[in-house]
Amino acid sequence: QPHLVESGGGLVQPGGSLRVSCTASGITLDLTLDRYAIGWFRQAPGKEREGVACITSGGVPSYADSVKGRFTISRDNDKSTVYLQMNGLKPEDTAVYYCARAFQNMCVMNDSDYHFWGPGTQVTVSS
């Protein structure tokens, strides 16, 4: 089953920064990530998964209000990789972060519009 793979999570202090990455697994050459929107989602303990950011194939980003001005999504289509730069991290940003490919080249924050979910990477913001 093809899927994406997240990396770069970890423990960071409040106010710190972290960059997580999303790429296709080594055997899934047919995901054609460069043609579709890619989204980042997160799920904190006891909460539902929520959309964080999305980027179209042309590089147009969208953000949830809770991360606007702090998070930046970008992509390198040559490397089939999408990045989420997270600055000014807060304890409430603590969650497992997932990436997924949209069914279309359109940014929406509804997880039912995405597939090829990765296993997630843990981001913990704590002093």
Foldseek 3Di string as FASTA:
>chain_A
DWAKAKDWADEAAAQAKTKMKIATPPVPPPPLLLFFKKWKWWDDPPGDIWTAKIAFSVGDIDGDPVQPPFWDWGDDSVRRMIMIIGGRDDQVVWTWMKMFTAPHRDDDTDCVRTDRIHPTDTHGYHD
